Amino acid sequence: MSVHAYITRLVLAAGMLLLAVAPAMAQTNTVYAGQTSDLSATVVNGETYTWDLYTDDVSINFGIVPGNCPPATAYFTSGNTGPVVSVTWLIPGVYYYKVTVVNANGCSNIALGMMTVLNALPVAEIQAVAPVCAGDYASLVISLSGSPPWSIDLSDGTNTITYDNISSSPFTTPVAPLVSTNYTVTRVSDAYGQNLNHSNTILLVVKPRPLTSPIIQYGP
């Protein structure tokens, strides 16, 4: 029997029990490595709920074998009992989760779900930079997580510059603003995905130079 047929049989046997994940993931059952999501079952008075996590080893009998997922790959953040549990997903891959429901009569049933964990989204962080004098260059150093090649959009609040095919981290670029300026990375992408969450913002302070004064020649 294929894994899909096996899971379908178990889910159908679970009757009206409904499994879901947090609202943001309800349709796709997809998260990124490092994220935490909720798994939930429909609450019925008198029922208890116990959850198990499994790797993608489909040769096991989900109906009788307890969870086999190592904590280093995915784990329950605050216990595996109750109608709602939270799971932190650490390593990309395919996982299965099971909830065992026991009613007030002592009868039990199970339902299964599947979660696909994608590679973590890349993240950019700009290092703090020392003040410069007007007209001088400063170097912005940007640390990037993920897998190269990267592409980033760097904004100064008015203009945005795109840097493509970045092969190593940290990435350094020169800037020479005329006035004190805030810099933020508004987009970063790597070999696996794109992150539109903004990085930290740093302020580059530009110090004015003294005004040029005429040189006066005094006689003897």
N, C-alpha and C. Protein backbone atom coordinates (compact mmCIF):
# COMPACT_ATOMS: atom_id res chain seq x y z
N MET A 1 0.85 -1.19 0.00
CA MET A 1 0.00 0.00 0.00
C MET A 1 0.88 1.25 0.00
N SER A 2 0.56 2.21 -0.87
CA SER A 2 1.36 3.43 -0.91
C SER A 2 1.13 4.25 0.34
N VAL A 3 2.09 5.16 0.63
CA VAL A 3 1.94 6.00 1.82
C VAL A 3 0.71 6.87 1.73
N HIS A 4 0.41 7.37 0.52
CA HIS A 4 -0.75 8.24 0.38
C HIS A 4 -2.04 7.47 0.65
N ALA A 5 -2.11 6.23 0.17
CA ALA A 5 -3.30 5.41 0.43
C ALA A 5 -3.40 5.09 1.91
N TYR A 6 -2.24 4.83 2.54
CA TYR A 6 -2.22 4.50 3.96
C TYR A 6 -2.70 5.66 4.81
N ILE A 7 -2.16 6.85 4.50
CA ILE A 7 -2.58 8.04 5.24
C ILE A 7 -4.05 8.33 5.01
N THR A 8 -4.51 8.19 3.77
CA THR A 8 -5.92 8.45 3.47
C THR A 8 -6.82 7.52 4.28
N ARG A 9 -6.44 6.25 4.38
CA ARG A 9 -7.23 5.31 5.14
C ARG A 9 -7.33 5.72 6.61
N LEU A 10 -6.18 6.15 7.18
CA LEU A 10 -6.20 6.54 8.58
C LEU A 10 -7.01 7.80 8.80
N VAL A 11 -6.87 8.75 7.89
CA VAL A 11 -7.61 10.00 8.06
C VAL A 11 -9.10 9.77 7.94
N LEU A 12 -9.51 8.95 6.97
CA LEU A 12 -10.93 8.64 6.84
C LEU A 12 -11.46 7.94 8.08
N ALA A 13 -10.63 7.08 8.65
CA ALA A 13 -11.06 6.36 9.85
C ALA A 13 -11.26 7.29 11.03
N ALA A 14 -10.67 8.48 10.95
CA ALA A 14 -10.76 9.42 12.06
C ALA A 14 -12.08 10.16 12.10
N GLY A 15 -12.97 9.90 11.17
CA GLY A 15 -14.29 10.51 11.18
C GLY A 15 -14.22 12.01 11.02
N MET A 16 -14.88 12.73 11.94
CA MET A 16 -14.99 14.17 11.80
C MET A 16 -13.84 14.94 12.43
N LEU A 17 -12.79 14.25 12.92
CA LEU A 17 -11.66 14.94 13.53
C LEU A 17 -10.96 15.78 12.48
N LEU A 18 -10.73 17.04 12.78
CA LEU A 18 -10.11 17.96 11.83
C LEU A 18 -8.76 18.38 12.35
N LEU A 19 -7.76 18.30 11.47
CA LEU A 19 -6.43 18.80 11.80
C LEU A 19 -6.19 20.08 11.04
N ALA A 20 -5.46 20.97 11.68
CA ALA A 20 -5.12 22.23 11.02
C ALA A 20 -3.80 22.70 11.55
N VAL A 21 -3.21 23.67 10.86
CA VAL A 21 -2.05 24.36 11.37
C VAL A 21 -2.45 25.80 11.58
N ALA A 22 -1.51 26.62 12.06
CA ALA A 22 -1.80 28.02 12.31
C ALA A 22 -2.40 28.65 11.06
N PRO A 23 -3.24 29.69 11.20
CA PRO A 23 -3.95 30.26 10.05
C PRO A 23 -3.05 30.61 8.88
N ALA A 24 -1.85 31.12 9.14
CA ALA A 24 -0.98 31.53 8.04
C ALA A 24 -0.54 30.35 7.20
N MET A 25 -0.59 29.13 7.76
CA MET A 25 -0.10 27.97 7.05
C MET A 25 -1.23 27.00 6.70
N ALA A 26 -2.48 27.38 6.95
CA ALA A 26 -3.57 26.41 6.88
C ALA A 26 -3.74 25.80 5.49
N GLN A 27 -3.47 26.53 4.44
CA GLN A 27 -3.70 26.03 3.10
C GLN A 27 -2.51 25.25 2.54
N THR A 28 -1.33 25.62 2.91
CA THR A 28 -0.17 25.03 2.27
C THR A 28 0.52 23.97 3.11
N ASN A 29 0.33 23.98 4.45
CA ASN A 29 1.06 23.08 5.33
C ASN A 29 2.56 23.13 5.05
N THR A 30 3.05 24.34 4.88
CA THR A 30 4.45 24.57 4.58
C THR A 30 5.00 25.62 5.52
N VAL A 31 6.19 25.37 6.06
CA VAL A 31 6.87 26.35 6.90
C VAL A 31 8.33 26.40 6.47
N TYR A 32 9.05 27.36 7.02
CA TYR A 32 10.49 27.47 6.77
C TYR A 32 11.26 26.98 7.99
N ALA A 33 12.42 26.40 7.74
CA ALA A 33 13.26 25.91 8.83
C ALA A 33 13.51 27.04 9.82
N GLY A 34 13.37 26.70 11.10
CA GLY A 34 13.54 27.69 12.16
C GLY A 34 12.23 28.30 12.64
N GLN A 35 11.15 28.10 11.90
CA GLN A 35 9.87 28.66 12.30
C GLN A 35 9.13 27.72 13.25
N THR A 36 8.18 28.30 13.99
CA THR A 36 7.30 27.54 14.88
C THR A 36 5.87 27.70 14.39
N SER A 37 5.13 26.61 14.33
CA SER A 37 3.74 26.67 13.91
C SER A 37 2.88 25.86 14.87
N ASP A 38 1.58 26.15 14.88
CA ASP A 38 0.63 25.43 15.72
C ASP A 38 -0.05 24.32 14.93
N LEU A 39 -0.26 23.19 15.60
CA LEU A 39 -1.10 22.11 15.08
C LEU A 39 -2.31 22.03 16.00
N SER A 40 -3.50 21.84 15.43
CA SER A 40 -4.69 21.85 16.27
C SER A 40 -5.70 20.83 15.81
N ALA A 41 -6.50 20.35 16.74
CA ALA A 41 -7.60 19.42 16.47
C ALA A 41 -8.90 20.05 16.97
N THR A 42 -10.00 19.66 16.36
CA THR A 42 -11.30 20.16 16.81
C THR A 42 -11.56 19.70 18.25
N VAL A 43 -11.93 20.62 19.09
CA VAL A 43 -12.12 20.32 20.51
C VAL A 43 -13.51 19.73 20.75
N VAL A 44 -13.53 18.60 21.45
CA VAL A 44 -14.79 17.98 21.88
C VAL A 44 -14.67 17.72 23.38
N ASN A 45 -15.70 18.09 24.12
CA ASN A 45 -15.67 17.91 25.58
C ASN A 45 -15.44 16.45 25.94
N GLY A 46 -14.55 16.24 26.91
CA GLY A 46 -14.27 14.90 27.38
C GLY A 46 -13.18 14.17 26.63
N GLU A 47 -12.67 14.76 25.55
CA GLU A 47 -11.61 14.10 24.78
C GLU A 47 -10.23 14.58 25.22
N THR A 48 -9.25 13.70 25.09
CA THR A 48 -7.85 14.07 25.31
C THR A 48 -7.10 13.89 24.00
N TYR A 49 -5.98 14.64 23.87
CA TYR A 49 -5.25 14.67 22.60
C TYR A 49 -3.76 14.50 22.88
N THR A 50 -3.15 13.55 22.19
CA THR A 50 -1.71 13.32 22.30
C THR A 50 -1.12 13.30 20.90
N TRP A 51 -0.03 14.06 20.73
CA TRP A 51 0.55 14.24 19.40
C TRP A 51 1.89 13.53 19.28
N ASP A 52 2.20 13.11 18.04
CA ASP A 52 3.50 12.51 17.72
C ASP A 52 4.01 13.12 16.42
N LEU A 53 5.35 13.22 16.34
CA LEU A 53 6.02 13.70 15.12
C LEU A 53 6.81 12.56 14.50
N TYR A 54 6.81 12.53 13.16
CA TYR A 54 7.52 11.48 12.43
C TYR A 54 8.37 12.09 11.32
N THR A 55 9.47 11.42 11.02
CA THR A 55 10.25 11.77 9.83
C THR A 55 9.53 11.21 8.61
N ASP A 56 10.15 11.33 7.44
CA ASP A 56 9.49 10.86 6.22
C ASP A 56 9.71 9.37 5.96
N ASP A 57 10.00 8.60 7.00
CA ASP A 57 10.14 7.15 6.88
C ASP A 57 8.73 6.54 6.80
N VAL A 58 8.28 6.28 5.58
CA VAL A 58 6.91 5.82 5.39
C VAL A 58 6.78 4.31 5.57
N SER A 59 7.88 3.63 5.93
CA SER A 59 7.79 2.18 6.12
C SER A 59 7.21 1.82 7.48
N ILE A 60 7.11 2.80 8.38
CA ILE A 60 6.59 2.49 9.72
C ILE A 60 5.07 2.47 9.71
N ASN A 61 4.50 1.84 10.69
CA ASN A 61 3.05 1.81 10.87
C ASN A 61 2.66 2.96 11.79
N PHE A 62 2.15 4.02 11.21
CA PHE A 62 1.80 5.20 12.00
C PHE A 62 0.76 4.90 13.06
N GLY A 63 -0.03 3.85 12.84
CA GLY A 63 -1.10 3.56 13.77
C GLY A 63 -0.63 3.04 15.11
N ILE A 64 0.53 2.38 15.13
CA ILE A 64 0.97 1.77 16.39
C ILE A 64 2.35 2.22 16.84
N VAL A 65 3.15 2.81 15.95
CA VAL A 65 4.51 3.21 16.30
C VAL A 65 4.49 4.64 16.84
N PRO A 66 5.10 4.90 18.00
CA PRO A 66 5.15 6.28 18.51
C PRO A 66 6.06 7.14 17.65
N GLY A 67 6.00 8.45 17.88
CA GLY A 67 6.79 9.38 17.07
C GLY A 67 8.27 9.04 17.06
N ASN A 68 8.90 9.23 15.90
CA ASN A 68 10.32 8.88 15.75
C ASN A 68 11.18 10.07 15.35
N CYS A 69 10.65 11.29 15.50
CA CYS A 69 11.35 12.48 15.02
C CYS A 69 12.37 12.95 16.06
N PRO A 70 13.66 13.00 15.71
CA PRO A 70 14.67 13.48 16.67
C PRO A 70 14.45 14.95 17.01
N PRO A 71 14.66 15.35 18.26
CA PRO A 71 14.47 16.75 18.65
C PRO A 71 15.37 17.72 17.88
N ALA A 72 16.46 17.20 17.32
CA ALA A 72 17.36 18.07 16.58
C ALA A 72 16.79 18.46 15.22
N THR A 73 15.70 17.81 14.79
CA THR A 73 15.10 18.14 13.50
C THR A 73 13.76 18.87 13.66
N ALA A 74 12.95 18.45 14.64
CA ALA A 74 11.69 19.13 14.94
C ALA A 74 11.25 18.68 16.33
N TYR A 75 10.61 19.58 17.08
CA TYR A 75 10.22 19.22 18.44
C TYR A 75 9.01 20.04 18.89
N PHE A 76 8.27 19.49 19.85
CA PHE A 76 7.16 20.22 20.47
C PHE A 76 7.74 21.24 21.44
N THR A 77 7.34 22.48 21.30
CA THR A 77 7.96 23.55 22.09
C THR A 77 7.47 23.56 23.54
N SER A 78 6.25 23.07 23.80
CA SER A 78 5.75 23.07 25.18
C SER A 78 4.82 21.88 25.41
N GLY A 79 5.33 20.71 25.09
CA GLY A 79 4.56 19.49 25.34
C GLY A 79 3.77 19.04 24.14
N ASN A 80 3.37 17.75 24.16
CA ASN A 80 2.67 17.16 23.01
C ASN A 80 1.25 16.73 23.35
N THR A 81 0.66 17.33 24.37
CA THR A 81 -0.72 17.00 24.72
C THR A 81 -1.58 18.25 24.66
N GLY A 82 -2.87 18.03 24.36
CA GLY A 82 -3.82 19.12 24.28
C GLY A 82 -4.32 19.29 22.86
N PRO A 83 -5.42 20.02 22.68
CA PRO A 83 -5.98 20.21 21.34
C PRO A 83 -5.13 21.08 20.44
N VAL A 84 -4.26 21.91 21.03
CA VAL A 84 -3.36 22.75 20.24
C VAL A 84 -1.95 22.58 20.77
N VAL A 85 -1.01 22.30 19.88
CA VAL A 85 0.40 22.18 20.26
C VAL A 85 1.23 22.99 19.29
N SER A 86 2.41 23.41 19.74
CA SER A 86 3.34 24.16 18.90
C SER A 86 4.54 23.30 18.58
N VAL A 87 5.00 23.41 17.33
CA VAL A 87 6.16 22.64 16.88
C VAL A 87 7.16 23.60 16.26
N THR A 88 8.42 23.44 16.64
CA THR A 88 9.51 24.18 16.01
C THR A 88 10.19 23.25 15.02
N TRP A 89 10.26 23.69 13.78
CA TRP A 89 10.81 22.88 12.68
C TRP A 89 12.22 23.38 12.39
N LEU A 90 13.21 22.52 12.52
CA LEU A 90 14.61 22.96 12.43
C LEU A 90 15.29 22.59 11.12
N ILE A 91 14.96 21.42 10.57
CA ILE A 91 15.68 20.91 9.40
C ILE A 91 14.71 20.76 8.24
N PRO A 92 15.09 21.23 7.03
CA PRO A 92 14.21 21.07 5.87
C PRO A 92 13.90 19.60 5.59
N GLY A 93 12.71 19.36 5.09
CA GLY A 93 12.31 18.00 4.75
C GLY A 93 10.81 17.84 4.88
N VAL A 94 10.34 16.59 4.76
CA VAL A 94 8.93 16.24 4.89
C VAL A 94 8.72 15.55 6.23
N TYR A 95 7.71 15.97 6.96
CA TYR A 95 7.38 15.40 8.26
C TYR A 95 5.91 15.01 8.29
N TYR A 96 5.61 14.03 9.13
CA TYR A 96 4.22 13.66 9.40
C TYR A 96 3.93 13.89 10.88
N TYR A 97 2.69 14.25 11.17
CA TYR A 97 2.29 14.40 12.56
C TYR A 97 0.99 13.63 12.78
N LYS A 98 0.83 13.11 13.98
CA LYS A 98 -0.34 12.30 14.32
C LYS A 98 -0.92 12.79 15.63
N VAL A 99 -2.23 12.82 15.71
CA VAL A 99 -2.89 13.09 16.97
C VAL A 99 -3.74 11.87 17.34
N THR A 100 -3.57 11.41 18.55
CA THR A 100 -4.37 10.31 19.09
C THR A 100 -5.42 10.90 20.02
N VAL A 101 -6.67 10.62 19.73
CA VAL A 101 -7.78 11.19 20.49
C VAL A 101 -8.46 10.08 21.28
N VAL A 102 -8.65 10.33 22.56
CA VAL A 102 -9.35 9.38 23.43
C VAL A 102 -10.56 10.09 24.02
N ASN A 103 -11.75 9.46 23.88
CA ASN A 103 -12.95 10.10 24.39
C ASN A 103 -13.28 9.65 25.81
N ALA A 104 -14.39 10.15 26.32
CA ALA A 104 -14.76 9.86 27.71
C ALA A 104 -15.05 8.38 27.94
N ASN A 105 -15.34 7.65 26.88
CA ASN A 105 -15.62 6.22 27.00
C ASN A 105 -14.36 5.37 26.96
N GLY A 106 -13.20 6.03 26.77
CA GLY A 106 -11.94 5.29 26.66
C GLY A 106 -11.65 4.77 25.28
N CYS A 107 -12.46 5.14 24.30
CA CYS A 107 -12.22 4.74 22.91
C CYS A 107 -11.29 5.75 22.25
N SER A 108 -10.46 5.26 21.34
CA SER A 108 -9.46 6.12 20.73
C SER A 108 -9.56 6.10 19.21
N ASN A 109 -9.00 7.11 18.62
CA ASN A 109 -8.90 7.21 17.17
C ASN A 109 -7.70 8.09 16.85
N ILE A 110 -7.25 8.06 15.60
CA ILE A 110 -6.10 8.87 15.21
C ILE A 110 -6.38 9.59 13.90
N ALA A 111 -5.62 10.65 13.66
CA ALA A 111 -5.61 11.32 12.36
C ALA A 111 -4.19 11.78 12.09
N LEU A 112 -3.87 11.88 10.81
CA LEU A 112 -2.51 12.24 10.39
C LEU A 112 -2.52 13.50 9.53
N GLY A 113 -1.39 14.19 9.53
CA GLY A 113 -1.16 15.30 8.63
C GLY A 113 0.28 15.31 8.17
N MET A 114 0.58 16.14 7.18
CA MET A 114 1.93 16.22 6.63
C MET A 114 2.39 17.67 6.61
N MET A 115 3.65 17.90 6.91
CA MET A 115 4.24 19.23 6.89
C MET A 115 5.52 19.20 6.05
N THR A 116 5.62 20.15 5.12
CA THR A 116 6.84 20.31 4.34
C THR A 116 7.62 21.50 4.90
N VAL A 117 8.87 21.26 5.28
CA VAL A 117 9.72 22.31 5.84
C VAL A 117 10.74 22.71 4.78
N LEU A 118 10.70 23.97 4.39
CA LEU A 118 11.60 24.50 3.37
C LEU A 118 12.86 25.07 4.02
N ASN A 119 13.88 25.29 3.20
CA ASN A 119 15.09 25.92 3.69
C ASN A 119 14.76 27.29 4.29
N ALA A 120 15.48 27.64 5.36
CA ALA A 120 15.23 28.91 6.04
C ALA A 120 15.40 30.09 5.09
N LEU A 121 14.57 31.10 5.27
CA LEU A 121 14.71 32.31 4.46
C LEU A 121 16.03 33.02 4.77
N PRO A 122 16.66 33.60 3.77
CA PRO A 122 17.90 34.34 4.03
C PRO A 122 17.62 35.61 4.82
N VAL A 123 18.60 36.02 5.60
CA VAL A 123 18.46 37.22 6.44
C VAL A 123 19.68 38.10 6.24
N ALA A 124 19.47 39.40 6.19
CA ALA A 124 20.55 40.38 6.08
C ALA A 124 20.66 41.19 7.35
N GLU A 125 21.87 41.50 7.75
CA GLU A 125 22.11 42.37 8.91
C GLU A 125 23.25 43.32 8.58
N ILE A 126 22.98 44.62 8.75
CA ILE A 126 23.99 45.64 8.47
C ILE A 126 24.73 45.98 9.75
N GLN A 127 26.04 45.96 9.68
CA GLN A 127 26.85 46.29 10.85
C GLN A 127 26.88 47.80 11.07
N ALA A 128 26.98 48.20 12.33
CA ALA A 128 27.09 49.62 12.66
C ALA A 128 28.34 50.20 12.00
N VAL A 129 28.27 51.48 11.67
CA VAL A 129 29.39 52.12 10.96
C VAL A 129 29.74 53.44 11.65
N ALA A 130 31.03 53.75 11.68
CA ALA A 130 31.49 54.97 12.34
C ALA A 130 31.14 56.21 11.51
N PRO A 131 30.97 57.36 12.16
CA PRO A 131 30.68 58.60 11.43
C PRO A 131 31.81 58.95 10.46
N VAL A 132 31.45 59.69 9.42
CA VAL A 132 32.43 60.16 8.44
C VAL A 132 32.23 61.65 8.24
N CYS A 133 33.25 62.28 7.67
CA CYS A 133 33.14 63.69 7.31
C CYS A 133 32.48 63.81 5.93
N ALA A 134 31.77 64.90 5.73
CA ALA A 134 31.08 65.12 4.46
C ALA A 134 32.05 64.97 3.29
N GLY A 135 31.66 64.19 2.30
CA GLY A 135 32.50 63.98 1.13
C GLY A 135 33.34 62.73 1.21
N ASP A 136 33.46 62.13 2.41
CA ASP A 136 34.24 60.90 2.56
C ASP A 136 33.36 59.67 2.34
N TYR A 137 34.00 58.58 1.99
CA TYR A 137 33.30 57.31 1.80
C TYR A 137 33.28 56.51 3.11
N ALA A 138 32.19 55.77 3.29
CA ALA A 138 32.10 54.79 4.37
C ALA A 138 31.80 53.43 3.74
N SER A 139 32.18 52.38 4.44
CA SER A 139 31.92 51.03 3.94
C SER A 139 30.78 50.41 4.74
N LEU A 140 29.72 50.03 4.05
CA LEU A 140 28.64 49.29 4.69
C LEU A 140 28.96 47.80 4.60
N VAL A 141 28.97 47.14 5.74
CA VAL A 141 29.25 45.70 5.80
C VAL A 141 27.94 44.99 6.12
N ILE A 142 27.53 44.09 5.23
CA ILE A 142 26.23 43.42 5.35
C ILE A 142 26.45 41.92 5.45
N SER A 143 26.05 41.35 6.59
CA SER A 143 26.15 39.90 6.78
C SER A 143 24.90 39.23 6.23
N LEU A 144 25.07 38.11 5.54
CA LEU A 144 23.98 37.42 4.87
C LEU A 144 23.94 35.96 5.31
N SER A 145 22.77 35.49 5.68
CA SER A 145 22.60 34.07 5.99
C SER A 145 21.98 33.37 4.79
N GLY A 146 22.12 32.05 4.73
CA GLY A 146 21.57 31.30 3.62
C GLY A 146 22.65 30.78 2.71
N SER A 147 22.29 30.55 1.46
CA SER A 147 23.20 29.93 0.49
C SER A 147 23.38 30.84 -0.72
N PRO A 148 24.63 31.11 -1.11
CA PRO A 148 24.85 31.97 -2.28
C PRO A 148 24.39 31.28 -3.56
N PRO A 149 24.17 32.09 -4.62
CA PRO A 149 24.37 33.54 -4.69
C PRO A 149 23.20 34.31 -4.09
N TRP A 150 23.54 35.48 -3.50
CA TRP A 150 22.53 36.35 -2.93
C TRP A 150 22.24 37.53 -3.84
N SER A 151 21.08 38.12 -3.62
CA SER A 151 20.72 39.39 -4.24
C SER A 151 20.05 40.23 -3.16
N ILE A 152 20.41 41.51 -3.07
CA ILE A 152 19.82 42.37 -2.04
C ILE A 152 19.39 43.70 -2.65
N ASP A 153 18.41 44.32 -1.99
CA ASP A 153 18.03 45.70 -2.29
C ASP A 153 18.41 46.54 -1.08
N LEU A 154 19.26 47.54 -1.30
CA LEU A 154 19.72 48.42 -0.23
C LEU A 154 19.09 49.78 -0.42
N SER A 155 18.37 50.25 0.64
CA SER A 155 17.64 51.51 0.56
C SER A 155 18.23 52.54 1.51
N ASP A 156 18.27 53.80 1.04
CA ASP A 156 18.68 54.90 1.92
C ASP A 156 17.48 55.77 2.30
N GLY A 157 16.27 55.22 2.09
CA GLY A 157 15.06 55.96 2.39
C GLY A 157 14.50 56.70 1.21
N THR A 158 15.35 56.97 0.22
CA THR A 158 14.91 57.67 -0.99
C THR A 158 15.17 56.82 -2.22
N ASN A 159 16.37 56.30 -2.31
CA ASN A 159 16.76 55.49 -3.46
C ASN A 159 17.08 54.06 -3.02
N THR A 160 16.89 53.12 -3.93
CA THR A 160 17.18 51.72 -3.67
C THR A 160 18.12 51.20 -4.75
N ILE A 161 19.19 50.55 -4.31
CA ILE A 161 20.16 49.96 -5.23
C ILE A 161 20.12 48.45 -5.07
N THR A 162 20.10 47.74 -6.19
CA THR A 162 20.10 46.27 -6.18
C THR A 162 21.49 45.75 -6.48
N TYR A 163 21.92 44.81 -5.66
CA TYR A 163 23.20 44.13 -5.87
C TYR A 163 22.91 42.66 -6.12
N ASP A 164 23.34 42.16 -7.27
CA ASP A 164 23.08 40.77 -7.65
C ASP A 164 24.35 39.94 -7.61
N ASN A 165 24.15 38.61 -7.62
CA ASN A 165 25.26 37.65 -7.73
C ASN A 165 26.33 37.86 -6.66
N ILE A 166 25.89 38.09 -5.42
CA ILE A 166 26.82 38.19 -4.30
C ILE A 166 27.26 36.78 -3.93
N SER A 167 28.54 36.54 -3.94
CA SER A 167 29.04 35.16 -3.78
C SER A 167 29.54 34.84 -2.37
N SER A 168 29.75 35.85 -1.54
CA SER A 168 30.27 35.58 -0.20
C SER A 168 29.72 36.58 0.80
N SER A 169 29.73 36.17 2.05
CA SER A 169 29.26 37.03 3.14
C SER A 169 30.38 37.17 4.17
N PRO A 170 30.59 38.38 4.74
CA PRO A 170 29.79 39.59 4.54
C PRO A 170 30.08 40.28 3.21
N PHE A 171 29.09 41.05 2.77
CA PHE A 171 29.20 41.84 1.54
C PHE A 171 29.47 43.29 1.93
N THR A 172 30.41 43.93 1.25
CA THR A 172 30.79 45.31 1.56
C THR A 172 30.57 46.21 0.36
N THR A 173 29.97 47.36 0.60
CA THR A 173 29.76 48.32 -0.47
C THR A 173 30.05 49.73 0.04
N PRO A 174 30.71 50.59 -0.78
CA PRO A 174 31.01 51.96 -0.35
C PRO A 174 29.80 52.89 -0.54
N VAL A 175 29.63 53.83 0.38
CA VAL A 175 28.60 54.85 0.25
C VAL A 175 29.20 56.19 0.66
N ALA A 176 28.65 57.28 0.09
CA ALA A 176 29.16 58.62 0.41
C ALA A 176 28.00 59.61 0.44
N PRO A 177 27.12 59.50 1.42
CA PRO A 177 26.00 60.44 1.49
C PRO A 177 26.48 61.84 1.89
N LEU A 178 25.71 62.84 1.50
CA LEU A 178 26.06 64.21 1.83
C LEU A 178 25.56 64.60 3.21
N VAL A 179 24.54 63.88 3.70
CA VAL A 179 23.99 64.15 5.04
C VAL A 179 23.83 62.82 5.76
N SER A 180 23.58 62.89 7.05
CA SER A 180 23.36 61.66 7.83
C SER A 180 22.20 60.87 7.21
N THR A 181 22.39 59.55 7.05
CA THR A 181 21.46 58.73 6.27
C THR A 181 21.23 57.39 6.94
N ASN A 182 19.98 56.93 6.90
CA ASN A 182 19.62 55.58 7.36
C ASN A 182 19.70 54.60 6.19
N TYR A 183 20.26 53.41 6.46
CA TYR A 183 20.35 52.37 5.44
C TYR A 183 19.64 51.11 5.94
N THR A 184 18.90 50.48 5.03
CA THR A 184 18.15 49.26 5.33
C THR A 184 18.18 48.34 4.12
N VAL A 185 18.32 47.04 4.36
CA VAL A 185 18.14 46.06 3.28
C VAL A 185 16.66 45.69 3.26
N THR A 186 15.98 46.00 2.16
CA THR A 186 14.54 45.77 2.07
C THR A 186 14.18 44.44 1.43
N ARG A 187 15.15 43.79 0.82
CA ARG A 187 14.91 42.46 0.22
C ARG A 187 16.22 41.71 0.17
N VAL A 188 16.17 40.41 0.48
CA VAL A 188 17.34 39.56 0.31
C VAL A 188 16.87 38.21 -0.21
N SER A 189 17.53 37.71 -1.24
CA SER A 189 17.21 36.39 -1.77
C SER A 189 18.49 35.58 -1.86
N ASP A 190 18.33 34.25 -1.77
CA ASP A 190 19.47 33.36 -1.92
C ASP A 190 19.08 32.25 -2.88
N ALA A 191 19.84 31.16 -2.87
CA ALA A 191 19.59 30.08 -3.82
C ALA A 191 18.26 29.39 -3.60
N TYR A 192 17.63 29.59 -2.39
CA TYR A 192 16.43 28.84 -2.07
C TYR A 192 15.17 29.67 -1.94
N GLY A 193 15.30 30.97 -1.72
CA GLY A 193 14.08 31.75 -1.52
C GLY A 193 14.36 33.22 -1.34
N GLN A 194 13.29 33.95 -1.08
CA GLN A 194 13.36 35.41 -0.97
C GLN A 194 12.69 35.86 0.32
N ASN A 195 13.33 36.81 1.00
CA ASN A 195 12.81 37.37 2.23
C ASN A 195 12.56 38.86 2.03
N LEU A 196 11.30 39.27 2.18
CA LEU A 196 10.94 40.67 2.00
C LEU A 196 10.85 41.42 3.33
N ASN A 197 11.17 40.74 4.43
CA ASN A 197 11.23 41.43 5.72
C ASN A 197 12.48 42.29 5.77
N HIS A 198 12.33 43.51 6.25
CA HIS A 198 13.46 44.43 6.26
C HIS A 198 14.51 44.02 7.29
N SER A 199 15.75 44.33 6.97
CA SER A 199 16.84 44.11 7.92
C SER A 199 16.80 45.18 9.00
N ASN A 200 17.77 45.14 9.89
CA ASN A 200 17.94 46.25 10.82
C ASN A 200 18.30 47.51 10.05
N THR A 201 18.08 48.64 10.64
CA THR A 201 18.42 49.93 10.03
C THR A 201 19.59 50.55 10.79
N ILE A 202 20.58 51.01 10.05
CA ILE A 202 21.71 51.69 10.70
C ILE A 202 21.76 53.13 10.22
N LEU A 203 22.23 54.00 11.10
CA LEU A 203 22.38 55.42 10.77
C LEU A 203 23.85 55.72 10.53
N LEU A 204 24.16 56.21 9.35
CA LEU A 204 25.50 56.70 9.05
C LEU A 204 25.51 58.20 9.29
N VAL A 205 26.24 58.61 10.31
CA VAL A 205 26.32 60.03 10.66
C VAL A 205 27.37 60.70 9.79
N VAL A 206 26.97 61.80 9.13
CA VAL A 206 27.88 62.58 8.30
C VAL A 206 28.16 63.90 9.00
N LYS A 207 29.41 64.15 9.32
CA LYS A 207 29.79 65.36 10.04
C LYS A 207 30.19 66.46 9.05
N PRO A 208 29.70 67.67 9.25
CA PRO A 208 30.05 68.75 8.31
C PRO A 208 31.51 69.15 8.46
N ARG A 209 32.07 69.59 7.35
CA ARG A 209 33.44 70.12 7.38
C ARG A 209 33.39 71.61 7.72
N PRO A 210 34.50 72.19 8.20
CA PRO A 210 34.52 73.63 8.49
C PRO A 210 34.40 74.44 7.20
N LEU A 211 33.77 75.61 7.33
CA LEU A 211 33.65 76.47 6.17
C LEU A 211 35.01 77.02 5.76
N THR A 212 35.19 77.18 4.45
CA THR A 212 36.45 77.72 3.95
C THR A 212 36.48 79.24 4.18
N SER A 213 37.54 79.69 4.81
CA SER A 213 37.68 81.13 5.07
C SER A 213 38.79 81.70 4.18
N PRO A 214 38.64 82.95 3.75
CA PRO A 214 39.72 83.54 2.97
C PRO A 214 40.98 83.74 3.81
N ILE A 215 42.11 83.56 3.20
CA ILE A 215 43.39 83.80 3.89
C ILE A 215 43.75 85.27 3.73
N ILE A 216 43.95 85.93 4.85
CA ILE A 216 44.23 87.37 4.81
C ILE A 216 45.72 87.60 5.02
N GLN A 217 46.28 88.35 4.12
CA GLN A 217 47.71 88.67 4.22
C GLN A 217 47.86 90.01 4.94
N TYR A 218 48.53 90.01 6.11
CA TYR A 218 48.77 91.24 6.84
C TYR A 218 50.19 91.73 6.53
N GLY A 219 50.31 92.98 6.38
CA GLY A 219 51.63 93.54 6.11
C GLY A 219 52.51 93.54 7.36
N PRO A 220 53.79 93.78 7.17
CA PRO A 220 54.73 93.83 8.32
C PRO A 220 54.43 95.03 9.21
